[in-house]
N, C-alpha and C. Protein backbone atom coordinates (compact mmCIF):
# COMPACT_ATOMS: atom_id res chain seq x y z
N UNK A 1 108.34 80.90 111.42
CA UNK A 1 107.70 81.67 112.29
C UNK A 1 106.44 80.92 112.78
N UNK A 2 105.30 81.34 113.63
CA UNK A 2 103.82 80.56 114.04
C UNK A 2 103.56 81.31 112.69
N UNK A 3 102.04 80.82 112.63
CA UNK A 3 100.90 81.04 112.07
C UNK A 3 100.77 82.00 113.01
N UNK A 4 100.42 82.20 114.16
CA UNK A 4 100.06 83.35 114.72
C UNK A 4 100.68 84.59 114.57
N UNK A 5 102.34 84.68 114.73
CA UNK A 5 102.82 86.08 114.76
C UNK A 5 102.83 86.24 112.30
N UNK A 6 102.39 85.46 112.19
CA UNK A 6 102.28 85.65 110.82
C UNK A 6 100.52 86.43 110.69
N UNK A 7 99.73 86.28 111.14
CA UNK A 7 98.49 87.03 111.59
C UNK A 7 98.56 88.30 112.34
N UNK A 8 99.11 88.16 113.19
CA UNK A 8 99.65 89.50 113.65
C UNK A 8 100.55 90.51 112.90
N UNK A 9 101.26 89.73 112.04
CA UNK A 9 101.86 90.66 111.24
C UNK A 9 100.76 91.13 109.97
N UNK A 10 100.24 90.33 109.74
CA UNK A 10 99.22 91.09 108.47
C UNK A 10 98.43 92.26 109.22
N UNK A 11 97.48 91.81 110.63
CA UNK A 11 97.10 92.79 111.30
C UNK A 11 97.38 94.24 111.36
N UNK A 12 98.75 94.03 111.77
CA UNK A 12 99.55 95.12 112.12
C UNK A 12 99.47 95.70 110.44
N UNK A 13 99.98 95.46 108.99
CA UNK A 13 99.89 96.50 108.29
C UNK A 13 98.84 96.85 107.60
N UNK A 14 97.46 95.62 107.96
CA UNK A 14 95.69 96.39 108.35
C UNK A 14 95.74 97.49 108.64
N UNK A 15 96.33 97.73 110.24
CA UNK A 15 96.19 98.71 111.18
C UNK A 15 96.87 99.90 110.60
N UNK A 16 98.09 99.55 109.85
CA UNK A 16 98.69 101.11 108.83
C UNK A 16 97.93 101.15 107.59
N UNK A 17 97.48 100.19 107.09
CA UNK A 17 96.76 100.70 105.86
C UNK A 17 96.02 101.24 106.29
N UNK A 18 94.88 101.30 107.31
CA UNK A 18 93.52 101.73 108.14
C UNK A 18 94.03 102.98 108.27
N UNK A 19 95.18 103.40 108.65
CA UNK A 19 95.75 104.71 109.52
C UNK A 19 95.40 105.28 108.24
N UNK A 20 95.99 105.32 106.83
CA UNK A 20 96.09 105.56 105.55
C UNK A 20 94.38 106.38 105.33
N UNK A 21 93.96 105.12 105.36
CA UNK A 21 92.13 105.54 105.24
C UNK A 21 91.69 106.32 106.09
N UNK A 22 92.37 106.47 107.30
CA UNK A 22 91.66 107.32 108.11
C UNK A 22 91.92 109.20 107.72
N UNK A 23 92.86 108.67 107.64
CA UNK A 23 93.59 110.60 106.93
C UNK A 23 93.40 110.76 105.70
N UNK A 24 92.79 109.48 104.72
CA UNK A 24 92.45 110.13 103.35
C UNK A 24 90.76 110.05 102.96
N UNK A 25 90.55 109.62 103.96
CA UNK A 25 89.00 109.72 104.04
C UNK A 25 88.54 108.43 102.20
N UNK A 26 89.41 107.38 102.00
CA UNK A 26 89.04 106.49 101.24
C UNK A 26 89.39 105.02 101.82
N UNK A 27 88.11 104.75 101.52
CA UNK A 27 87.99 103.11 102.07
C UNK A 27 88.45 102.29 101.61
N UNK A 28 89.51 101.64 102.19
CA UNK A 28 90.10 100.06 101.30
C UNK A 28 88.97 98.91 101.81
N UNK A 29 89.51 97.81 100.55
CA UNK A 29 88.16 96.86 100.50
C UNK A 29 88.72 95.81 101.26
N UNK A 30 88.30 94.22 100.65
CA UNK A 30 88.60 93.32 100.92
C UNK A 30 90.32 92.93 100.81
N UNK A 31 90.98 91.65 101.86
CA UNK A 31 92.48 91.34 101.97
C UNK A 31 92.02 90.12 101.15
N UNK A 32 93.04 89.96 100.57
CA UNK A 32 93.16 88.48 100.13
C UNK A 32 94.85 88.33 99.43
N UNK A 33 94.99 86.49 99.55
CA UNK A 33 96.50 86.37 100.10
C UNK A 33 96.71 85.11 98.59
N UNK A 34 97.79 85.20 98.30
CA UNK A 34 98.01 84.86 97.13
C UNK A 34 99.77 84.00 97.37
N UNK A 35 99.53 82.72 97.34
CA UNK A 35 100.48 81.67 97.19
C UNK A 35 102.03 82.66 96.32
N UNK A 36 102.88 82.63 96.76
CA UNK A 36 104.07 83.14 95.98
C UNK A 36 105.37 82.52 96.42
N UNK A 37 106.52 82.43 95.27
CA UNK A 37 107.77 82.02 94.93
C UNK A 37 108.51 82.42 95.94
N UNK A 38 109.15 81.97 97.15
CA UNK A 38 109.61 82.72 97.70
C UNK A 38 111.67 82.57 97.65
N UNK A 39 112.26 83.09 97.46
CA UNK A 39 114.28 83.20 97.33
C UNK A 39 114.59 83.86 98.24
N UNK A 40 115.86 83.24 98.51
CA UNK A 40 116.76 83.52 99.68
C UNK A 40 115.94 83.38 100.80
N UNK A 41 115.01 83.08 101.07
CA UNK A 41 114.27 82.94 102.11
C UNK A 41 113.56 83.77 102.93
N UNK A 42 114.12 85.35 102.10
CA UNK A 42 112.42 86.54 102.69
C UNK A 42 111.99 87.02 101.47
N UNK A 43 112.32 86.82 100.32
CA UNK A 43 112.17 87.60 99.27
C UNK A 43 111.06 87.09 98.43
N UNK A 44 110.02 87.62 98.31
CA UNK A 44 108.54 87.17 97.54
C UNK A 44 109.02 87.74 96.21
N UNK A 45 108.96 86.67 95.02
CA UNK A 45 109.16 86.93 93.51
C UNK A 45 107.84 86.71 93.33
N UNK A 46 107.86 87.84 91.66
CA UNK A 46 106.55 87.77 91.14
C UNK A 46 106.85 86.82 89.76
N UNK A 47 106.05 86.93 89.11
CA UNK A 47 106.89 87.12 88.00
C UNK A 47 107.85 87.79 86.78
N UNK A 48 107.63 89.25 87.36
CA UNK A 48 108.42 90.31 87.08
C UNK A 48 109.13 90.89 88.28
N UNK A 49 109.01 90.90 89.63
CA UNK A 49 108.87 91.80 90.64
C UNK A 49 109.47 91.04 91.72
N UNK A 50 110.22 91.53 92.46
CA UNK A 50 110.67 91.04 94.05
C UNK A 50 110.83 91.47 94.85
N UNK A 51 109.99 91.91 96.59
CA UNK A 51 110.58 92.08 97.09
C UNK A 51 110.78 91.97 98.59
N UNK A 52 111.14 92.29 99.17
CA UNK A 52 111.55 91.64 100.49
C UNK A 52 110.08 91.85 101.79
N UNK A 53 110.68 90.65 102.47
CA UNK A 53 109.23 90.07 103.77
C UNK A 53 109.20 91.47 104.34
N UNK A 54 107.77 91.99 104.31
CA UNK A 54 107.53 93.39 104.88
C UNK A 54 107.30 94.54 104.07
N UNK A 55 107.71 94.52 102.76
CA UNK A 55 107.83 95.13 101.90
C UNK A 55 106.30 95.15 101.16
N UNK A 56 106.16 96.66 100.72
CA UNK A 56 104.89 96.81 99.95
C UNK A 56 105.13 96.58 98.96
N UNK A 57 103.84 96.71 97.98
CA UNK A 57 103.79 96.25 96.41
C UNK A 57 103.24 97.07 96.11
N UNK A 58 103.17 97.73 94.54
CA UNK A 58 102.22 98.11 93.96
C UNK A 58 102.05 97.87 92.65
N UNK A 59 101.29 96.75 92.26
CA UNK A 59 101.76 96.28 90.99
C UNK A 59 100.68 97.34 89.64
N UNK A 60 101.77 97.58 89.39
CA UNK A 60 101.36 98.24 87.90
C UNK A 60 100.18 97.88 87.84
N UNK A 61 99.73 99.22 87.14
CA UNK A 61 97.89 98.92 86.06
C UNK A 61 96.92 98.41 87.18
N UNK A 62 96.99 98.03 88.37
CA UNK A 62 96.01 97.83 89.32
C UNK A 62 95.82 98.52 90.74
N UNK A 63 94.85 98.74 91.28
CA UNK A 63 94.37 99.71 92.27
C UNK A 63 94.51 98.37 93.29
N UNK A 64 95.77 97.97 93.86
CA UNK A 64 95.88 97.25 95.03
C UNK A 64 97.04 97.65 95.47
N UNK A 65 97.05 97.46 96.85
CA UNK A 65 98.79 97.27 97.58
C UNK A 65 98.66 95.74 97.53
N UNK A 66 100.55 95.16 98.01
CA UNK A 66 100.34 94.32 98.25
C UNK A 66 101.27 93.92 99.41
N UNK A 67 101.48 93.38 100.58
CA UNK A 67 102.65 92.65 101.76
C UNK A 67 103.36 91.74 101.04
N UNK A 68 104.76 91.64 101.13
CA UNK A 68 105.31 89.98 101.28
C UNK A 68 105.29 89.65 102.83
N UNK A 69 104.63 88.63 102.51
CA UNK A 69 104.73 87.36 103.81
C UNK A 69 105.37 86.70 103.61
N UNK A 70 106.49 86.57 103.41
CA UNK A 70 107.74 85.38 102.84
C UNK A 70 107.45 83.84 103.65
N UNK A 71 107.30 84.36 104.80
CA UNK A 71 108.03 83.05 105.65
C UNK A 71 106.47 82.49 105.40
N UNK A 72 105.51 82.93 105.17
CA UNK A 72 104.72 82.11 104.57
C UNK A 72 103.76 81.81 103.37
N UNK A 73 104.76 82.39 102.86
CA UNK A 73 104.64 82.20 101.09
C UNK A 73 103.44 82.67 100.50
N UNK A 74 103.19 84.13 100.96
CA UNK A 74 102.27 84.79 100.48
C UNK A 74 102.17 86.21 100.39
N UNK A 75 101.55 86.42 99.56
CA UNK A 75 101.64 88.13 99.49
C UNK A 75 100.12 88.41 99.86
N UNK A 76 99.38 89.37 100.92
CA UNK A 76 98.27 89.46 101.30
C UNK A 76 98.01 91.27 100.64
N UNK A 77 97.27 90.72 99.59
CA UNK A 77 96.77 92.33 98.74
C UNK A 77 95.58 92.84 99.86
N UNK A 78 95.57 94.15 99.42
CA UNK A 78 94.17 95.02 100.04
C UNK A 78 93.74 95.85 98.73
N UNK A 79 92.34 96.02 98.52
CA UNK A 79 91.62 96.50 97.06
C UNK A 79 90.77 97.17 97.72
N UNK A 80 89.91 97.83 96.65
CA UNK A 80 89.09 98.71 97.19
C UNK A 80 87.97 98.49 97.43
N UNK A 81 86.83 99.00 98.37
CA UNK A 81 86.08 99.10 98.26
C UNK A 81 85.00 99.74 96.92
N UNK A 82 83.83 99.10 97.23
CA UNK A 82 82.97 99.76 95.77
C UNK A 82 82.26 100.88 96.68
N UNK A 83 82.38 102.47 96.18
CA UNK A 83 81.68 103.59 97.16
C UNK A 83 80.05 103.47 96.90
N UNK A 84 79.62 104.02 97.77
CA UNK A 84 78.33 103.87 97.54
C UNK A 84 77.30 105.02 96.77
N UNK A 85 76.51 104.61 95.87
CA UNK A 85 76.07 106.09 95.19
C UNK A 85 74.69 106.51 95.56
N UNK A 86 74.56 107.46 95.48
CA UNK A 86 73.53 108.45 96.02
C UNK A 86 73.20 108.86 94.93
N UNK A 87 71.80 109.69 94.85
CA UNK A 87 70.91 110.91 94.26
C UNK A 87 71.84 111.87 94.07
N UNK A 88 72.24 112.24 92.47
CA UNK A 88 72.78 113.35 92.52
C UNK A 88 74.46 113.64 92.76
N UNK A 89 74.71 112.20 92.59
CA UNK A 89 76.36 111.52 92.50
C UNK A 89 76.56 111.30 92.00
N UNK A 90 77.95 111.19 91.30
CA UNK A 90 78.66 110.59 90.51
C UNK A 90 79.71 109.84 91.10
N UNK A 91 80.52 108.68 90.85
CA UNK A 91 81.69 107.86 91.06
C UNK A 91 82.75 108.09 90.24
N UNK A 92 84.22 108.91 91.09
CA UNK A 92 85.23 109.11 90.45
C UNK A 92 86.20 108.28 90.90
N UNK A 93 87.49 107.91 89.99
CA UNK A 93 88.45 106.96 90.18
C UNK A 93 89.14 108.21 89.40
N UNK A 94 90.56 108.19 90.13
CA UNK A 94 92.13 107.91 89.28
C UNK A 94 92.93 107.05 89.12
N UNK A 95 92.74 106.84 87.82
CA UNK A 95 93.74 105.36 87.44
C UNK A 95 95.20 105.81 87.33
N UNK A 96 95.64 106.92 87.30
CA UNK A 96 97.05 106.96 87.48
C UNK A 96 97.73 107.05 89.01
N UNK A 97 96.65 107.17 89.91
CA UNK A 97 97.20 107.20 91.29
C UNK A 97 97.55 106.05 92.06
N UNK A 98 98.27 106.21 92.83
CA UNK A 98 98.76 104.65 93.67
C UNK A 98 97.85 104.56 94.56
N UNK A 99 97.17 103.25 94.91
CA UNK A 99 96.54 102.60 96.02
C UNK A 99 96.90 103.22 97.29
N UNK A 100 95.75 104.07 98.07
CA UNK A 100 94.47 103.67 97.97
C UNK A 100 94.03 105.32 97.23
N UNK A 101 94.84 106.13 96.53
CA UNK A 101 94.28 107.51 95.71
C UNK A 101 93.29 107.09 94.71
N UNK A 102 93.50 105.35 94.26
CA UNK A 102 93.35 105.11 92.48
C UNK A 102 91.57 104.30 93.26
N UNK A 103 91.70 104.70 94.56
CA UNK A 103 89.97 103.45 94.93
C UNK A 103 88.86 105.08 94.44
N UNK A 104 88.00 104.34 93.71
CA UNK A 104 86.56 104.83 93.32
C UNK A 104 86.02 106.03 94.51
N UNK A 105 85.93 107.23 94.56
CA UNK A 105 85.09 107.76 95.25
C UNK A 105 83.86 108.54 95.04
N UNK A 106 82.47 108.64 95.41
CA UNK A 106 81.14 108.91 95.54
C UNK A 106 81.77 110.30 95.96
N UNK A 107 81.20 111.23 94.68
CA UNK A 107 81.27 112.62 94.48
C UNK A 107 79.87 113.26 94.57
N UNK A 108 79.30 113.83 95.56
CA UNK A 108 78.23 114.33 95.58
C UNK A 108 78.05 115.88 95.18
N UNK A 109 77.09 116.65 94.26
CA UNK A 109 76.89 117.97 94.47
C UNK A 109 76.00 118.37 95.26
N UNK A 110 76.24 119.37 95.81
CA UNK A 110 75.47 120.16 96.96
C UNK A 110 74.21 120.68 96.65
N UNK A 111 73.21 121.05 96.65
CA UNK A 111 72.48 121.95 96.32
C UNK A 111 72.48 123.50 96.89
N UNK A 112 72.15 123.71 95.52
CA UNK A 112 72.40 125.36 95.33
C UNK A 112 70.92 125.88 95.62
N UNK A 113 70.79 126.97 96.29
CA UNK A 113 69.09 127.27 96.50
C UNK A 113 69.18 128.78 96.78
């Protein structure tokens, strides 16, 4: 498969994750890629996990999601953005939730008059 097809595939996955963000109100951060070992032609293999081309992977104890792009020997990862800070606001995070619900969010108190 050509590089153009891989890029289109990653853009499609980014679009799907963006829809999730749109409906959950949680912002996603950067996209980064890591080289991965590929077995059987279409399976991304990390030290402890294996998943097929096009499957999402939620690494334990990390607030990211990975997408297997075996044909390019890569896993594309998405992480969280840093939430904005404001006066009277705090940053909250659900460390037990899966991405993107584990991402930090700004919570501001309303003025009570």
